[in-house]
Amino acid sequence: MNLRTLLGERLQAALRNAGAADAPAIVGPATRPEFGDYQANGALAAAKRLGTKPRDLAARVIEAADLSGIAARCEVTGPGFISLTIADDCLSEALADGRVEPVGGGERVVVDYSHPNLAKEMQVHHLRSTIIGDAVARVLDALGYDVIPQNHVGDWGTQFGRLVAHLNDTGEDSEALGDLERFYTEASARFASDAAFADRARQVVVDLQGGDPGTLERWRRYIDISMSHCQTVYDRLRVGLKPEHVRGESAYNDDLDGIVADLTAKGLITESDGALCAFLPEFKGKDGKVAPIIVRKSDGGYLYHSTDLAAVRYRTGTLRAKRVLYVVDARQSLHFKQL
C-alpha cells in the first residue's frame, strides 16, 4: 500500500470518528512546500454538510487520526485543509519497500547526465552530474515514468582536433588513457601558443566532421579507450549508465546541416564575418549589444548550440520524450536559456 492510500484510509476512519460518516479524505500532494508532503481536503466538504466550521472539523479529525509513525507533522492550514509531513523513517521504509505511488503513468522522460569530455579522465564535476543524474533517473523510474538515460559525451570537436593534430606532428601513439591525457595537455598548450598548429587543429576538426577515413579511424580508437575508463567508473559507482545510453556529440554530426537549413528557413540566421549566427535580442553582452550565438563557424565547423539542438530534435522526435531533464553545471545556464 502506498503512502497516499495509507493516509487516505487513516484519515477517512478519523472522519467517521469525528462524526463525518462516509466522507472521503481526498488526499493529494501538498500544493505548496510549506504545507508539507500531502494535503487532505475532505474536511471542507464534510463540514459544509454537517453545518460546522471546516477548521474545527479538521482539528477533530487530526485528534482522532492514528498517524503514529507515519506523519512527523499534521496541522490545520488555510480554510480547513489538513497538511501532513511524512516522517523520515516512514518515507525511508516506503522507498525501500517500493510503496511509492506510480504517478508517472508511463510518460517518457529523457535524463541527460554525466556527459564527460573524452580523451582524458573524468573530473569531479562529471562525477557530481553522474550521481545526481542517476538518482533522478531512479526516482522517476520508481514513480512510474518511462526513463531513458542519455550520456551526451564530449566525443567530437576541438579537443580531438588538437589531439590528433599533435599526434600527427609528433608521431606518438598509445592505448593508455594516462598517455592520451598527457598528449591532450601538450596539444592544448601548443594550441594556445602556436598559431600554425591551431590552424592545423581546426582543420582536423573540419576533416573529422567531414568524414575523413584516416581521421575517423584514429578518433574511434581514442573514443573506445576513454569510454572503457568511463564505464569502469560507472560500474564502481553502481550507477545505471551503460554503453547503450551513450549518444555523444558525434551522433548528431549528420543532422547539423539540416539544423542550419531549418534555422535559416525560419529567418533566424545571419552571416557575420563568415560565420552563421543567431542574434536573440534578449541576450546582450556587457556592451549592451546583442551577443551572437554561433551556429556554424567560418571554417565550417559546428559548436555546442547546433549539436544540442539536434539532440533536442532526436529526443523529442525519435525517442518521443515528453520531458528532457539536463543535469549540468549551473554555469551552463546561459547556454540552455539560449537553446
Protein backbone atom coordinates (compact mmCIF):
# COMPACT_ATOMS: atom_id res chain seq x y z
CA MET A 1 0.00 0.00 0.00
CA ASN A 2 1.47 3.38 -0.99
CA LEU A 3 1.59 6.36 1.36
CA ARG A 4 -1.27 8.24 -0.26
CA THR A 5 -3.61 5.27 0.09
CA LEU A 6 -2.48 4.65 3.67
CA LEU A 7 -3.10 8.28 4.64
CA GLY A 8 -6.49 8.19 2.94
CA GLU A 9 -7.59 5.14 4.94
CA ARG A 10 -6.40 6.55 8.27
CA LEU A 11 -7.96 9.98 7.71
CA GLN A 12 -11.23 8.55 6.42
CA ALA A 13 -11.50 6.48 9.60
CA ALA A 14 -10.79 9.63 11.60
CA LEU A 15 -13.53 11.50 9.71
CA ARG A 16 -16.01 8.78 10.73
CA ASN A 17 -14.90 9.07 14.34
CA ALA A 18 -15.30 12.84 14.12
CA GLY A 19 -18.92 12.48 13.01
CA ALA A 20 -18.49 12.66 9.23
CA ALA A 21 -19.50 9.14 8.22
CA ASP A 22 -18.77 8.15 4.61
CA ALA A 23 -16.88 11.40 3.93
CA PRO A 24 -13.85 10.84 1.66
CA ALA A 25 -10.48 12.07 2.93
CA ILE A 26 -9.46 13.46 -0.51
CA VAL A 27 -5.68 13.13 -0.06
CA GLY A 28 -3.28 14.55 -2.63
CA PRO A 29 0.18 16.09 -2.90
CA ALA A 30 0.57 19.36 -1.00
CA THR A 31 0.02 22.39 -3.21
CA ARG A 32 2.92 24.33 -1.66
CA PRO A 33 6.16 23.19 0.03
CA GLU A 34 5.34 24.94 3.31
CA PHE A 35 2.23 22.73 3.59
CA GLY A 36 4.33 19.57 3.87
CA ASP A 37 4.13 16.48 1.66
CA TYR A 38 0.40 15.71 1.46
CA GLN A 39 -2.82 17.62 1.89
CA ALA A 40 -6.28 16.27 2.78
CA ASN A 41 -9.29 18.36 1.74
CA GLY A 42 -12.13 16.10 2.89
CA ALA A 43 -12.98 18.14 6.00
CA LEU A 44 -14.00 21.13 3.87
CA ALA A 45 -16.83 19.35 2.05
CA ALA A 46 -17.85 17.32 5.12
CA ALA A 47 -18.09 20.43 7.32
CA LYS A 48 -20.50 22.05 4.88
CA ARG A 49 -22.82 19.04 5.07
CA LEU A 50 -22.56 18.94 8.88
CA GLY A 51 -23.06 22.68 9.28
CA THR A 52 -19.84 23.12 11.24
CA LYS A 53 -16.67 25.14 10.74
CA PRO A 54 -14.17 23.35 8.45
CA ARG A 55 -11.17 24.20 10.62
CA ASP A 56 -12.91 22.85 13.72
CA LEU A 57 -13.78 19.59 11.95
CA ALA A 58 -10.24 19.31 10.57
CA ALA A 59 -8.86 19.71 14.11
CA ARG A 60 -11.13 16.91 15.38
CA VAL A 61 -10.02 14.67 12.51
CA ILE A 62 -6.36 15.23 13.38
CA GLU A 63 -7.08 14.41 17.03
CA ALA A 64 -8.86 11.19 16.04
CA ALA A 65 -6.37 10.09 13.37
CA ASP A 66 -3.94 7.24 14.00
CA LEU A 67 -0.87 8.65 12.26
CA SER A 68 1.78 7.48 14.71
CA GLY A 69 4.97 6.61 12.85
CA ILE A 70 3.55 7.98 9.60
CA ALA A 71 3.34 11.76 9.96
CA ALA A 72 6.00 13.85 11.64
CA ARG A 73 3.68 16.85 11.50
CA CYS A 74 -0.06 17.17 10.98
CA GLU A 75 -1.82 20.54 11.19
CA VAL A 76 -4.80 22.54 10.01
CA THR A 77 -3.98 25.06 7.29
CA GLY A 78 -6.00 27.50 5.22
CA PRO A 79 -9.80 27.30 5.43
CA GLY A 80 -9.74 23.70 6.69
CA PHE A 81 -7.07 21.67 4.92
CA ILE A 82 -5.11 19.01 6.78
CA SER A 83 -1.42 19.31 5.91
CA LEU A 84 0.87 16.37 6.57
CA THR A 85 4.63 15.96 6.58
CA ILE A 86 5.78 12.35 6.33
CA ALA A 87 8.19 11.08 9.00
CA ASP A 88 11.69 10.37 7.70
CA ASP A 89 11.67 6.74 8.87
CA CYS A 90 8.30 6.11 7.25
CA LEU A 91 9.47 7.64 3.98
CA SER A 92 12.66 5.56 4.02
CA GLU A 93 10.71 2.36 4.62
CA ALA A 94 8.22 3.21 1.87
CA LEU A 95 11.02 3.81 -0.62
CA ALA A 96 12.85 0.64 0.39
CA ASP A 97 9.66 -1.42 0.04
CA GLY A 98 8.66 0.20 -3.24
CA ARG A 99 5.48 1.65 -1.71
CA VAL A 100 5.53 4.70 -3.96
CA GLU A 101 2.55 6.00 -5.87
CA PRO A 102 3.14 5.46 -9.64
CA VAL A 103 2.25 8.99 -10.69
CA GLY A 104 4.31 8.87 -13.90
CA GLY A 105 1.78 6.90 -15.87
CA GLY A 106 4.44 5.69 -18.30
CA GLU A 107 5.28 9.20 -19.51
CA ARG A 108 8.64 9.12 -21.29
CA VAL A 109 11.39 11.26 -19.78
CA VAL A 110 14.97 11.61 -21.02
CA VAL A 111 17.56 12.31 -18.32
CA ASP A 112 20.83 13.70 -19.71
CA TYR A 113 23.66 13.26 -17.22
CA SER A 114 27.36 12.54 -16.69
CA HIS A 115 28.45 13.61 -20.23
CA PRO A 116 32.24 13.67 -19.64
CA ASN A 117 34.68 15.04 -22.18
CA LEU A 118 36.65 12.15 -23.62
CA ALA A 119 40.38 11.70 -24.27
CA LYS A 120 41.00 12.39 -20.58
CA GLU A 121 39.95 11.08 -17.20
CA MET A 122 36.62 12.05 -15.66
CA GLN A 123 36.64 15.07 -13.35
CA VAL A 124 34.84 15.74 -10.06
CA HIS A 125 32.06 17.75 -11.72
CA HIS A 126 31.35 14.81 -14.03
CA LEU A 127 31.02 12.53 -11.01
CA ARG A 128 28.60 15.02 -9.43
CA SER A 129 26.41 15.05 -12.54
CA THR A 130 26.63 11.25 -12.75
CA ILE A 131 25.49 10.64 -9.17
CA ILE A 132 22.75 13.29 -9.11
CA GLY A 133 21.51 12.31 -12.56
CA ASP A 134 21.36 8.63 -11.69
CA ALA A 135 19.41 9.43 -8.52
CA VAL A 136 16.92 11.48 -10.56
CA ALA A 137 16.56 8.66 -13.10
CA ARG A 138 15.95 6.07 -10.37
CA VAL A 139 13.36 8.22 -8.59
CA LEU A 140 11.47 8.86 -11.82
CA ASP A 141 11.58 5.17 -12.67
CA ALA A 142 10.19 4.30 -9.23
CA LEU A 143 7.40 6.84 -9.79
CA GLY A 144 6.28 5.06 -12.94
CA TYR A 145 7.93 7.14 -15.65
CA ASP A 146 9.48 5.58 -18.74
CA VAL A 147 13.03 6.81 -18.20
CA ILE A 148 15.66 6.89 -20.95
CA PRO A 149 19.15 7.85 -19.70
CA GLN A 150 21.31 9.69 -22.22
CA ASN A 151 25.05 10.20 -21.85
CA HIS A 152 25.89 13.10 -24.17
CA VAL A 153 29.65 12.62 -24.04
CA GLY A 154 32.06 15.19 -25.46
CA ASP A 155 33.45 12.93 -28.19
CA TRP A 156 33.72 15.45 -31.01
CA GLY A 157 35.09 18.83 -31.89
CA THR A 158 38.03 20.97 -30.92
CA GLN A 159 39.67 18.76 -28.28
CA PHE A 160 40.04 15.92 -30.77
CA GLY A 161 41.31 18.28 -33.43
CA ARG A 162 44.06 19.35 -31.06
CA LEU A 163 44.88 15.79 -30.01
CA VAL A 164 45.00 14.28 -33.50
CA ALA A 165 46.96 17.21 -34.94
CA HIS A 166 49.51 16.95 -32.11
CA LEU A 167 50.00 13.21 -32.58
CA ASN A 168 50.24 13.67 -36.35
CA ASP A 169 53.13 16.07 -35.69
CA THR A 170 54.94 14.02 -33.03
CA GLY A 171 54.30 10.53 -34.35
CA GLU A 172 53.47 9.33 -30.82
CA ASP A 173 50.63 6.95 -30.02
CA SER A 174 49.35 4.98 -27.03
CA GLU A 175 46.49 2.81 -25.81
CA ALA A 176 46.76 4.17 -22.24
CA LEU A 177 44.32 6.86 -21.10
CA GLY A 178 47.01 8.50 -18.97
CA ASP A 179 49.15 8.97 -22.07
CA LEU A 180 46.21 10.39 -24.02
CA GLU A 181 45.62 12.90 -21.24
CA ARG A 182 49.28 13.91 -21.36
CA PHE A 183 49.11 14.26 -25.14
CA TYR A 184 45.97 16.37 -24.79
CA THR A 185 47.64 18.67 -22.24
CA GLU A 186 50.60 19.14 -24.56
CA ALA A 187 48.28 19.76 -27.51
CA SER A 188 46.30 22.37 -25.58
CA ALA A 189 49.48 24.23 -24.67
CA ARG A 190 50.57 24.25 -28.32
CA PHE A 191 47.12 25.38 -29.43
CA ALA A 192 47.37 28.42 -27.16
CA SER A 193 50.90 29.40 -28.20
CA ASP A 194 51.35 28.24 -31.81
CA ALA A 195 49.03 29.86 -34.37
CA ALA A 196 50.09 27.50 -37.17
CA PHE A 197 49.35 24.46 -35.01
CA ALA A 198 45.99 25.95 -34.01
CA ASP A 199 45.09 26.27 -37.69
CA ARG A 200 46.05 22.64 -38.32
CA ALA A 201 43.99 21.52 -35.33
CA ARG A 202 40.95 23.40 -36.61
CA GLN A 203 41.38 21.76 -40.00
CA VAL A 204 41.45 18.33 -38.35
CA VAL A 205 38.08 19.16 -36.76
CA VAL A 206 36.71 20.01 -40.19
CA ASP A 207 38.18 16.76 -41.58
CA LEU A 208 36.62 14.82 -38.72
CA GLN A 209 33.21 16.39 -39.24
CA GLY A 210 33.59 15.81 -42.97
CA GLY A 211 34.17 12.07 -42.51
CA ASP A 212 37.86 11.76 -43.45
CA PRO A 213 38.58 7.98 -43.08
CA GLY A 214 42.04 8.24 -41.52
CA THR A 215 40.98 10.87 -39.00
CA LEU A 216 37.85 8.90 -38.11
CA GLU A 217 39.81 5.68 -37.55
CA ARG A 218 42.17 7.35 -35.09
CA TRP A 219 39.29 9.14 -33.38
CA ARG A 220 37.38 5.87 -32.85
CA ARG A 221 40.36 4.27 -31.11
CA TYR A 222 40.64 7.15 -28.66
CA ILE A 223 36.88 7.08 -28.00
CA ASP A 224 36.98 3.36 -27.19
CA ILE A 225 39.87 3.88 -24.74
CA SER A 226 38.09 6.75 -22.99
CA MET A 227 34.69 5.07 -22.79
CA SER A 228 36.25 1.93 -21.30
CA HIS A 229 37.59 4.11 -18.47
CA CYS A 230 34.20 5.81 -18.00
CA GLN A 231 32.32 2.50 -17.84
CA THR A 232 34.73 1.25 -15.18
CA VAL A 233 33.88 4.32 -13.10
CA TYR A 234 30.13 3.85 -13.66
CA ASP A 235 30.32 0.21 -12.61
CA ARG A 236 32.26 1.12 -9.48
CA LEU A 237 29.68 3.78 -8.58
CA ARG A 238 26.87 1.29 -9.35
CA VAL A 239 25.01 3.78 -11.49
CA GLY A 240 22.72 2.68 -14.28
CA LEU A 241 24.61 4.14 -17.25
CA LYS A 242 25.52 1.53 -19.87
CA PRO A 243 27.13 1.69 -23.33
CA GLU A 244 23.68 1.72 -24.97
CA HIS A 245 22.92 5.02 -23.21
CA VAL A 246 25.88 6.78 -24.80
CA ARG A 247 24.89 9.16 -27.57
CA GLY A 248 27.59 11.76 -27.84
CA GLU A 249 28.05 14.86 -29.91
CA SER A 250 29.34 12.80 -32.84
CA ALA A 251 25.98 11.01 -33.17
CA TYR A 252 24.41 14.24 -34.42
CA ASN A 253 27.04 15.19 -36.98
CA ASP A 254 24.91 14.18 -39.97
CA ASP A 255 21.99 16.26 -38.65
CA LEU A 256 23.81 19.58 -38.33
CA ASP A 257 23.40 20.80 -41.91
CA GLY A 258 19.67 20.23 -41.53
CA ILE A 259 19.60 22.22 -38.30
CA VAL A 260 21.24 25.16 -40.07
CA ALA A 261 18.85 24.85 -43.01
CA ASP A 262 15.83 24.90 -40.69
CA LEU A 263 17.09 27.90 -38.74
CA THR A 264 17.83 29.72 -42.00
CA ALA A 265 14.34 28.96 -43.32
CA LYS A 266 12.88 30.47 -40.15
CA GLY A 267 14.88 33.66 -40.69
CA LEU A 268 16.99 33.17 -37.56
CA ILE A 269 20.43 33.01 -39.21
CA THR A 270 22.68 35.96 -40.06
CA GLU A 271 26.14 35.74 -41.60
CA SER A 272 28.78 37.55 -39.55
CA ASP A 273 32.46 37.51 -40.60
CA GLY A 274 31.88 34.26 -42.46
CA ALA A 275 30.18 32.54 -39.52
CA LEU A 276 26.48 31.74 -39.34
CA CYS A 277 24.97 33.25 -36.20
CA ALA A 278 21.66 33.74 -34.47
CA PHE A 279 21.03 37.06 -32.74
CA LEU A 280 18.44 36.82 -29.98
CA PRO A 281 17.59 40.30 -28.66
CA GLU A 282 17.08 39.11 -25.07
CA PHE A 283 20.75 38.06 -24.80
CA LYS A 284 23.12 41.01 -24.73
CA GLY A 285 26.79 41.39 -23.90
CA LYS A 286 28.32 43.77 -21.36
CA ASP A 287 28.43 46.45 -24.04
CA GLY A 288 24.65 46.30 -24.39
CA LYS A 289 24.80 44.85 -27.89
CA VAL A 290 23.03 41.64 -28.85
CA ALA A 291 25.53 38.79 -28.47
CA PRO A 292 25.86 36.38 -31.40
CA ILE A 293 25.15 32.68 -30.96
CA ILE A 294 27.49 30.95 -33.38
CA VAL A 295 25.71 28.11 -35.13
CA ARG A 296 28.44 27.35 -37.68
CA LYS A 297 31.96 28.75 -37.60
CA SER A 298 33.59 30.46 -40.56
CA ASP A 299 35.71 27.33 -41.22
CA GLY A 300 32.57 25.18 -41.49
CA GLY A 301 32.85 23.65 -38.02
CA TYR A 302 29.94 23.40 -35.61
CA LEU A 303 29.63 24.28 -31.93
CA TYR A 304 27.52 23.14 -28.97
CA HIS A 305 24.35 25.04 -29.85
CA SER A 306 23.96 23.16 -33.14
CA THR A 307 24.70 19.78 -31.58
CA ASP A 308 22.36 20.36 -28.66
CA LEU A 309 19.55 21.48 -30.97
CA ALA A 310 20.00 18.24 -32.92
CA ALA A 311 19.89 16.32 -29.64
CA VAL A 312 16.61 18.02 -28.66
CA ARG A 313 15.11 17.09 -32.03
CA TYR A 314 16.20 13.45 -31.63
CA ARG A 315 14.92 13.16 -28.08
CA THR A 316 11.53 14.74 -28.69
CA GLY A 317 11.12 13.25 -32.17
CA THR A 318 12.74 9.83 -32.41
CA LEU A 319 12.58 9.00 -28.70
CA ARG A 320 9.22 10.79 -28.30
CA ALA A 321 10.13 12.16 -24.87
CA LYS A 322 7.60 14.40 -23.16
CA ARG A 323 10.28 15.92 -20.95
CA VAL A 324 14.07 16.20 -21.12
CA LEU A 325 15.99 16.82 -17.90
CA TYR A 326 19.59 18.06 -18.05
CA VAL A 327 21.83 17.52 -15.01
CA VAL A 328 24.52 20.10 -15.73
CA ASP A 329 26.68 22.69 -14.01
CA ALA A 330 24.85 25.94 -13.20
CA ARG A 331 27.44 27.80 -15.27
CA GLN A 332 25.78 26.34 -18.37
CA SER A 333 22.50 28.08 -17.58
CA LEU A 334 23.01 30.80 -20.22
CA HIS A 335 23.67 28.18 -22.89
CA PHE A 336 20.42 26.38 -22.13
CA LYS A 337 18.43 29.60 -21.92
CA GLN A 338 19.67 30.46 -25.41
CA LEU A 339 18.90 26.95 -26.60
